[in-house]
Amino acid sequence: MSTQRPLHDYGSAGQAMAAGAWRAFGVPSIVLGGSFVGFGALVHQVGLSLWHALLSTATGWALPGQIALVELYAVGASVLVIAVAVGLTNARLLPMTVTLIPLLRTPGMPRWRYYAISHFIAVTGWVAAMRDCPAMVAHHRLPYYAGFAGMLWMISLLATWIGFALAGSVPAYVTLGLVFINPIYFMLVISADVRDRTRVLAAVFGAIGGPVLYLLVPDWSLLLAGVIAGTLGFLIGRRSPAGV
């Protein structure tokens, strides 16, 4: 006899979206909001305007890429160099999109909605969706994620504005230090799921290999550490029953 639990049904797409938006409050909104407060302060520090900060968050909404853009602009890098750097930084979103969209797909759903929601695929939303959506009926997953990610997107815009406004009244090391809250949160969330051997192995290999590679090839250490650690974690985890 199957022991699988029945999938959760919110009743309607609107209720699923509202549930996702409500779920965004709390730790996800605090962590992401704090990070974008730091980004707003960084934009102010390099001499760009509030509209630059808001436009970057509205259209990019990927903090590492946004930081790369602002810092390279500050040192006078060319548009081509900035574009390449931002593109490489945000390449991490491609595997997230590839793994998440099939989970959100519903038969009969217009394709344009998937393209639209892809803009809102980021680390915090991806982690929450991969954790929460499998327990829902299929036709409520997309609206749930739209509510969750859409709320975080709006909070990020507000936080960017707050950070820009506070840049002159709060010590720089405080506001800029907030930028690092989000990656720490992401690492803790991923590491908390010890049942997934693949994630644990990838995190361990990355923690060990990152410093070593930095000593050997500092300019490429982060990229190489991610590729090597993730690949080893996947290959070893896939062979183990605990990694399935």
Protein backbone atom coordinates (compact mmCIF):
# COMPACT_ATOMS: atom_id res chain seq x y z
CA MET A 1 0.00 0.00 0.00
CA SER A 2 1.34 3.45 -0.95
CA THR A 3 2.20 5.80 1.92
CA GLN A 4 2.56 8.88 -0.27
CA ARG A 5 0.71 11.91 1.07
CA PRO A 6 -1.96 13.56 -1.10
CA LEU A 7 -0.80 16.72 -2.85
CA HIS A 8 -1.91 20.00 -1.30
CA ASP A 9 -4.66 21.90 -3.13
CA TYR A 10 -5.05 25.62 -2.39
CA GLY A 11 -8.49 25.74 -3.99
CA SER A 12 -7.72 28.28 -6.70
CA ALA A 13 -4.78 29.86 -8.52
CA GLY A 14 -5.43 33.14 -6.71
CA GLN A 15 -5.24 31.48 -3.31
CA ALA A 16 -2.05 29.68 -4.32
CA MET A 17 -0.50 33.01 -5.38
CA ALA A 18 -1.57 34.63 -2.11
CA ALA A 19 -0.07 31.73 -0.16
CA GLY A 20 3.21 32.12 -2.02
CA ALA A 21 3.28 35.86 -1.36
CA TRP A 22 2.62 35.31 2.34
CA ARG A 23 5.32 32.62 2.46
CA ALA A 24 7.84 35.18 1.20
CA PHE A 25 7.56 37.17 4.41
CA GLY A 26 9.80 36.25 7.31
CA VAL A 27 13.33 34.96 6.83
CA PRO A 28 13.37 35.10 2.98
CA SER A 29 12.25 38.73 2.84
CA ILE A 30 14.53 39.79 5.72
CA VAL A 31 17.59 38.16 4.19
CA LEU A 32 16.98 39.34 0.64
CA GLY A 33 15.86 42.77 1.79
CA GLY A 34 18.99 43.20 3.89
CA SER A 35 21.17 42.23 0.93
CA PHE A 36 19.53 44.78 -1.35
CA VAL A 37 19.85 47.48 1.29
CA GLY A 38 23.57 46.87 0.96
CA PHE A 39 23.33 47.03 -2.83
CA GLY A 40 21.50 50.36 -2.70
CA ALA A 41 24.25 51.74 -0.49
CA LEU A 42 26.91 50.46 -2.90
CA VAL A 43 25.25 52.21 -5.84
CA HIS A 44 25.19 55.47 -3.90
CA GLN A 45 28.83 55.05 -2.93
CA VAL A 46 30.06 54.78 -6.54
CA GLY A 47 28.13 57.89 -7.58
CA LEU A 48 25.25 56.39 -9.57
CA SER A 49 21.69 57.60 -9.16
CA LEU A 50 18.71 56.04 -7.42
CA TRP A 51 17.14 55.32 -10.80
CA HIS A 52 20.19 53.33 -11.81
CA ALA A 53 19.84 51.25 -8.65
CA LEU A 54 16.12 50.64 -9.09
CA LEU A 55 16.44 49.83 -12.80
CA SER A 56 19.19 47.33 -12.07
CA THR A 57 17.09 45.55 -9.44
CA ALA A 58 13.93 45.65 -11.54
CA THR A 59 15.48 44.24 -14.70
CA GLY A 60 18.38 42.17 -13.36
CA TRP A 61 17.34 40.98 -9.90
CA ALA A 62 20.48 38.90 -9.47
CA LEU A 63 22.67 40.41 -6.77
CA PRO A 64 26.11 39.02 -7.77
CA GLY A 65 25.64 40.26 -11.33
CA GLN A 66 24.41 43.63 -10.13
CA ILE A 67 27.40 44.02 -7.83
CA ALA A 68 29.76 43.07 -10.67
CA LEU A 69 28.13 45.69 -12.89
CA VAL A 70 28.46 48.48 -10.32
CA GLU A 71 32.01 47.64 -9.28
CA LEU A 72 33.28 47.34 -12.87
CA TYR A 73 31.58 50.62 -13.75
CA ALA A 74 33.30 52.25 -10.78
CA VAL A 75 36.75 51.26 -12.08
CA GLY A 76 35.98 52.43 -15.61
CA ALA A 77 35.61 49.06 -17.35
CA SER A 78 34.22 49.00 -20.89
CA VAL A 79 30.63 48.05 -21.69
CA LEU A 80 31.82 44.81 -23.30
CA VAL A 81 33.80 43.76 -20.23
CA ILE A 82 30.87 44.59 -17.95
CA ALA A 83 28.45 42.64 -20.16
CA VAL A 84 30.69 39.56 -20.24
CA ALA A 85 31.29 39.66 -16.49
CA VAL A 86 27.59 40.01 -15.68
CA GLY A 87 26.73 37.25 -18.15
CA LEU A 88 29.23 34.84 -16.62
CA THR A 89 28.12 35.72 -13.10
CA ASN A 90 24.48 35.09 -13.93
CA ALA A 91 25.13 31.86 -15.84
CA ARG A 92 24.38 30.06 -12.55
CA LEU A 93 20.70 30.90 -13.12
CA LEU A 94 20.52 28.70 -16.22
CA PRO A 95 20.64 25.33 -14.41
CA MET A 96 18.18 26.71 -11.86
CA THR A 97 15.75 27.57 -14.66
CA VAL A 98 16.25 24.21 -16.37
CA THR A 99 15.44 22.31 -13.17
CA LEU A 100 12.60 24.53 -11.94
CA ILE A 101 10.49 25.13 -15.05
CA PRO A 102 9.62 21.42 -15.53
CA LEU A 103 8.40 21.39 -11.92
CA LEU A 104 6.16 24.41 -12.58
CA ARG A 105 4.88 23.23 -15.97
CA THR A 106 1.16 22.52 -16.29
CA PRO A 107 -0.57 21.05 -19.39
CA GLY A 108 -2.42 23.73 -21.32
CA MET A 109 -0.60 26.67 -19.69
CA PRO A 110 0.36 29.37 -22.25
CA ARG A 111 4.06 29.26 -22.97
CA TRP A 112 4.55 33.02 -22.46
CA ARG A 113 3.88 32.58 -18.75
CA TYR A 114 6.94 30.37 -18.39
CA TYR A 115 9.10 32.95 -20.15
CA ALA A 116 7.69 35.65 -17.87
CA ILE A 117 8.25 33.68 -14.66
CA SER A 118 11.80 32.83 -15.73
CA HIS A 119 12.75 36.44 -15.03
CA PHE A 120 11.94 35.85 -11.35
CA ILE A 121 14.03 32.70 -10.94
CA ALA A 122 16.75 33.48 -8.41
CA VAL A 123 18.50 31.66 -5.58
CA THR A 124 16.01 32.34 -2.78
CA GLY A 125 12.93 31.55 -4.88
CA TRP A 126 14.51 28.47 -6.44
CA VAL A 127 15.36 26.99 -3.05
CA ALA A 128 11.84 27.61 -1.74
CA ALA A 129 10.16 26.25 -4.86
CA MET A 130 12.23 23.07 -4.99
CA ARG A 131 11.30 22.49 -1.36
CA ASP A 132 7.61 23.47 -1.38
CA CYS A 133 6.21 22.89 -4.88
CA PRO A 134 6.54 19.08 -5.11
CA ALA A 135 3.93 18.79 -2.33
CA MET A 136 1.33 20.83 -4.31
CA VAL A 137 -1.04 19.91 -7.11
CA ALA A 138 0.63 20.74 -10.42
CA HIS A 139 -1.66 23.59 -11.51
CA HIS A 140 -0.99 25.58 -8.31
CA ARG A 141 2.81 25.50 -8.45
CA LEU A 142 3.26 28.29 -11.00
CA PRO A 143 0.92 30.78 -9.27
CA TYR A 144 2.46 29.91 -5.89
CA TYR A 145 5.93 30.64 -7.21
CA ALA A 146 4.71 33.81 -8.95
CA GLY A 147 3.35 35.08 -5.63
CA PHE A 148 6.47 34.12 -3.70
CA ALA A 149 9.03 35.50 -6.17
CA GLY A 150 6.93 38.53 -7.11
CA MET A 151 6.67 39.59 -3.47
CA LEU A 152 10.42 39.19 -2.97
CA TRP A 153 11.05 41.21 -6.14
CA MET A 154 8.95 44.10 -4.81
CA ILE A 155 10.66 43.89 -1.41
CA SER A 156 14.02 44.01 -3.18
CA LEU A 157 13.02 47.22 -4.98
CA LEU A 158 11.94 48.81 -1.70
CA ALA A 159 15.13 47.65 0.04
CA THR A 160 17.27 49.06 -2.78
CA TRP A 161 15.65 52.45 -2.29
CA ILE A 162 16.10 52.28 1.50
CA GLY A 163 19.77 51.35 1.14
CA PHE A 164 20.39 54.21 -1.25
CA ALA A 165 18.67 56.64 1.11
CA LEU A 166 20.57 55.38 4.19
CA ALA A 167 23.98 55.32 2.54
CA GLY A 168 25.00 58.67 4.00
CA SER A 169 23.76 58.02 7.55
CA VAL A 170 24.90 54.43 8.24
CA PRO A 171 28.55 53.29 8.33
CA ALA A 172 29.63 51.91 4.97
CA TYR A 173 30.90 48.63 6.42
CA VAL A 174 27.44 47.98 7.89
CA THR A 175 25.40 48.55 4.73
CA LEU A 176 27.90 46.89 2.40
CA GLY A 177 28.24 43.95 4.78
CA LEU A 178 24.53 43.24 4.31
CA VAL A 179 25.29 42.17 0.74
CA PHE A 180 26.79 38.93 2.07
CA ILE A 181 23.72 37.87 4.05
CA ASN A 182 22.01 36.24 1.06
CA PRO A 183 24.79 33.83 0.00
CA ILE A 184 25.27 32.79 3.63
CA TYR A 185 21.53 32.11 3.93
CA PHE A 186 21.55 30.13 0.68
CA MET A 187 24.47 28.01 1.88
CA LEU A 188 22.75 27.26 5.20
CA VAL A 189 19.47 26.30 3.52
CA ILE A 190 21.18 23.97 1.07
CA SER A 191 23.35 22.42 3.78
CA ALA A 192 20.38 21.89 6.10
CA ASP A 193 18.96 19.18 3.85
CA VAL A 194 21.42 16.50 4.93
CA ARG A 195 19.21 13.81 3.37
CA ASP A 196 20.43 14.92 -0.06
CA ARG A 197 23.95 13.52 -0.22
CA THR A 198 24.61 15.30 -3.51
CA ARG A 199 24.21 18.75 -1.96
CA VAL A 200 26.27 17.90 1.10
CA LEU A 201 29.11 16.47 -0.98
CA ALA A 202 29.11 19.46 -3.32
CA ALA A 203 29.26 21.86 -0.36
CA VAL A 204 32.13 19.92 1.25
CA PHE A 205 34.13 19.68 -1.98
CA GLY A 206 33.57 23.38 -2.63
CA ALA A 207 34.70 24.36 0.87
CA ILE A 208 37.88 22.32 0.48
CA GLY A 209 38.64 23.05 -3.16
CA GLY A 210 37.84 26.77 -3.16
CA PRO A 211 40.80 27.94 -1.02
CA VAL A 212 43.18 25.53 -2.77
CA LEU A 213 42.17 26.70 -6.23
CA TYR A 214 42.41 30.33 -5.12
CA LEU A 215 46.08 29.79 -4.34
CA LEU A 216 46.64 28.24 -7.77
CA VAL A 217 44.38 30.27 -10.09
CA PRO A 218 42.84 33.16 -8.14
CA ASP A 219 41.06 34.67 -11.15
CA TRP A 220 39.23 31.42 -11.97
CA SER A 221 39.07 29.77 -8.55
CA LEU A 222 35.38 30.45 -7.82
CA LEU A 223 34.17 29.20 -11.19
CA LEU A 224 36.40 26.12 -11.14
CA ALA A 225 35.49 25.29 -7.54
CA GLY A 226 31.79 25.41 -8.38
CA VAL A 227 32.09 23.27 -11.50
CA ILE A 228 34.39 20.68 -9.95
CA ALA A 229 32.58 20.45 -6.60
CA GLY A 230 29.15 20.28 -8.19
CA THR A 231 30.23 17.64 -10.70
CA LEU A 232 31.90 15.45 -8.07
CA GLY A 233 28.94 15.81 -5.73
CA PHE A 234 26.53 14.82 -8.49
CA LEU A 235 28.55 11.84 -9.73
CA ILE A 236 29.26 10.42 -6.27
CA GLY A 237 25.78 11.21 -4.93
CA ARG A 238 24.09 9.56 -7.90
CA ARG A 239 25.86 6.29 -7.17
CA SER A 240 24.66 6.25 -3.59
CA PRO A 241 21.07 5.35 -2.65
CA ALA A 242 21.13 8.23 -0.14
CA GLY A 243 21.69 10.70 -2.98
CA VAL A 244 18.51 9.76 -4.80
